[in-house]
């Protein structure tokens, strides 16, 4: 879950650098970043969100019980 979020953070940092770079002429890098980077960042963010939800609600390691009984149905993960 952390890996995709680290990549999103790195892309945001590089993207900010590209968008705020000074120079004469057309800033084609900024347009390419917006066109190709935005869907990629959105996909990675949704992947991390889905993985996090799966980790919280996974009930496979509780011996077949309803899952995380003390935690209101969430997987206890060692608690």
C-alpha atoms as a PDB file:
ATOM      1  CA  UNK A   1       0.000   0.000   0.000  1.00  0.00           C
ATOM      2  CA  UNK A   2       2.863   2.369   0.788  1.00  0.00           C
ATOM      3  CA  UNK A   3       4.685   1.734  -2.504  1.00  0.00           C
ATOM      4  CA  UNK A   4       2.071   3.304  -4.797  1.00  0.00           C
ATOM      5  CA  UNK A   5       1.726   6.271  -2.451  1.00  0.00           C
ATOM      6  CA  UNK A   6       5.495   6.840  -2.496  1.00  0.00           C
ATOM      7  CA  UNK A   7       5.419   6.806  -6.306  1.00  0.00           C
ATOM      8  CA  UNK A   8       2.523   9.298  -6.270  1.00  0.00           C
ATOM      9  CA  UNK A   9       4.512  11.573  -3.960  1.00  0.00           C
ATOM     10  CA  UNK A  10       7.592  11.399  -6.167  1.00  0.00           C
ATOM     11  CA  UNK A  11       5.501  12.117  -9.239  1.00  0.00           C
ATOM     12  CA  UNK A  12       3.886  15.084  -7.492  1.00  0.00           C
ATOM     13  CA  UNK A  13       7.302  16.495  -6.593  1.00  0.00           C
ATOM     14  CA  UNK A  14       8.707  16.068 -10.089  1.00  0.00           C
ATOM     15  CA  UNK A  15       5.475  17.401 -11.566  1.00  0.00           C
ATOM     16  CA  UNK A  16       5.608  20.510  -9.409  1.00  0.00           C
ATOM     17  CA  UNK A  17       9.193  21.048 -10.528  1.00  0.00           C
ATOM     18  CA  UNK A  18       8.168  20.748 -14.182  1.00  0.00           C
ATOM     19  CA  UNK A  19       5.133  23.027 -13.807  1.00  0.00           C
ATOM     20  CA  UNK A  20       7.081  25.784 -12.038  1.00  0.00           C
ATOM     21  CA  UNK A  21      10.252  25.619 -14.157  1.00  0.00           C
ATOM     22  CA  UNK A  22      11.284  28.903 -15.666  1.00  0.00           C
ATOM     23  CA  UNK A  23      12.099  29.053 -19.328  1.00  0.00           C
ATOM     24  CA  UNK A  24      11.416  30.709 -22.619  1.00  0.00           C
ATOM     25  CA  UNK A  25       8.991  29.079 -25.024  1.00  0.00           C
ATOM     26  CA  UNK A  26       6.322  26.466 -24.800  1.00  0.00           C
ATOM     27  CA  UNK A  27       6.210  24.312 -21.663  1.00  0.00           C
ATOM     28  CA  UNK A  28       5.376  21.015 -23.344  1.00  0.00           C
ATOM     29  CA  UNK A  29       6.467  19.068 -20.277  1.00  0.00           C
ATOM     30  CA  UNK A  30       3.633  20.549 -18.234  1.00  0.00           C
ATOM     31  CA  UNK A  31       1.033  19.556 -20.821  1.00  0.00           C
ATOM     32  CA  UNK A  32       2.398  16.031 -21.093  1.00  0.00           C
ATOM     33  CA  UNK A  33       2.463  15.750 -17.318  1.00  0.00           C
ATOM     34  CA  UNK A  34      -1.177  16.754 -17.049  1.00  0.00           C
ATOM     35  CA  UNK A  35      -2.303  14.482 -19.899  1.00  0.00           C
ATOM     36  CA  UNK A  36      -0.377  11.340 -18.927  1.00  0.00           C
ATOM     37  CA  UNK A  37       0.460  11.867 -15.258  1.00  0.00           C
ATOM     38  CA  UNK A  38      -3.018  12.567 -13.915  1.00  0.00           C
ATOM     39  CA  UNK A  39      -4.587   9.216 -14.917  1.00  0.00           C
ATOM     40  CA  UNK A  40      -1.495   7.373 -13.698  1.00  0.00           C
ATOM     41  CA  UNK A  41      -1.587   9.115 -10.303  1.00  0.00           C
ATOM     42  CA  UNK A  42      -5.335   8.529 -10.017  1.00  0.00           C
ATOM     43  CA  UNK A  43      -4.875   4.833 -10.788  1.00  0.00           C
ATOM     44  CA  UNK A  44      -2.090   4.428  -8.224  1.00  0.00           C
ATOM     45  CA  UNK A  45      -4.129   6.278  -5.593  1.00  0.00           C
ATOM     46  CA  UNK A  46      -7.193   4.103  -6.196  1.00  0.00           C
ATOM     47  CA  UNK A  47      -5.011   0.991  -6.070  1.00  0.00           C
ATOM     48  CA  UNK A  48      -3.549   2.050  -2.709  1.00  0.00           C
ATOM     49  CA  UNK A  49      -7.023   2.872  -1.388  1.00  0.00           C
ATOM     50  CA  UNK A  50      -8.433  -0.494  -2.493  1.00  0.00           C
ATOM     51  CA  UNK A  51      -5.452  -2.348  -1.005  1.00  0.00           C
ATOM     52  CA  UNK A  52      -5.858  -0.480   2.286  1.00  0.00           C
ATOM     53  CA  UNK A  53      -9.561  -1.291   2.474  1.00  0.00           C
ATOM     54  CA  UNK A  54      -8.785  -4.940   1.727  1.00  0.00           C
ATOM     55  CA  UNK A  55      -6.148  -5.021   4.486  1.00  0.00           C
ATOM     56  CA  UNK A  56      -8.550  -3.547   7.024  1.00  0.00           C
ATOM     57  CA  UNK A  57     -11.474  -5.808   6.169  1.00  0.00           C
ATOM     58  CA  UNK A  58      -9.596  -9.084   5.476  1.00  0.00           C
ATOM     59  CA  UNK A  59     -10.964 -11.859   7.669  1.00  0.00           C
ATOM     60  CA  UNK A  60      -8.958 -14.827   6.412  1.00  0.00           C
ATOM     61  CA  UNK A  61      -6.660 -15.169   9.447  1.00  0.00           C
ATOM     62  CA  UNK A  62      -9.246 -15.367  12.245  1.00  0.00           C
ATOM     63  CA  UNK A  63     -10.145 -19.056  12.096  1.00  0.00           C
ATOM     64  CA  UNK A  64     -13.458 -18.579  10.315  1.00  0.00           C
ATOM     65  CA  UNK A  65     -15.006 -16.266  12.906  1.00  0.00           C
ATOM     66  CA  UNK A  66     -16.878 -13.139  11.920  1.00  0.00           C
ATOM     67  CA  UNK A  67     -13.547 -11.287  12.002  1.00  0.00           C
ATOM     68  CA  UNK A  68     -12.027  -8.826  14.435  1.00  0.00           C
ATOM     69  CA  UNK A  69     -14.739  -9.293  17.036  1.00  0.00           C
ATOM     70  CA  UNK A  70     -13.337  -6.732  19.459  1.00  0.00           C
ATOM     71  CA  UNK A  71     -12.888  -4.212  16.691  1.00  0.00           C
ATOM     72  CA  UNK A  72     -16.410  -4.130  15.316  1.00  0.00           C
ATOM     73  CA  UNK A  73     -15.886  -6.468  12.360  1.00  0.00           C
ATOM     74  CA  UNK A  74     -12.509  -5.130  11.218  1.00  0.00           C
ATOM     75  CA  UNK A  75      -9.521  -7.434  10.991  1.00  0.00           C
ATOM     76  CA  UNK A  76      -7.490  -7.231  14.180  1.00  0.00           C
ATOM     77  CA  UNK A  77      -4.036  -7.625  12.574  1.00  0.00           C
ATOM     78  CA  UNK A  78      -2.338  -8.694  15.807  1.00  0.00           C
ATOM     79  CA  UNK A  79      -4.392  -6.635  18.268  1.00  0.00           C
END
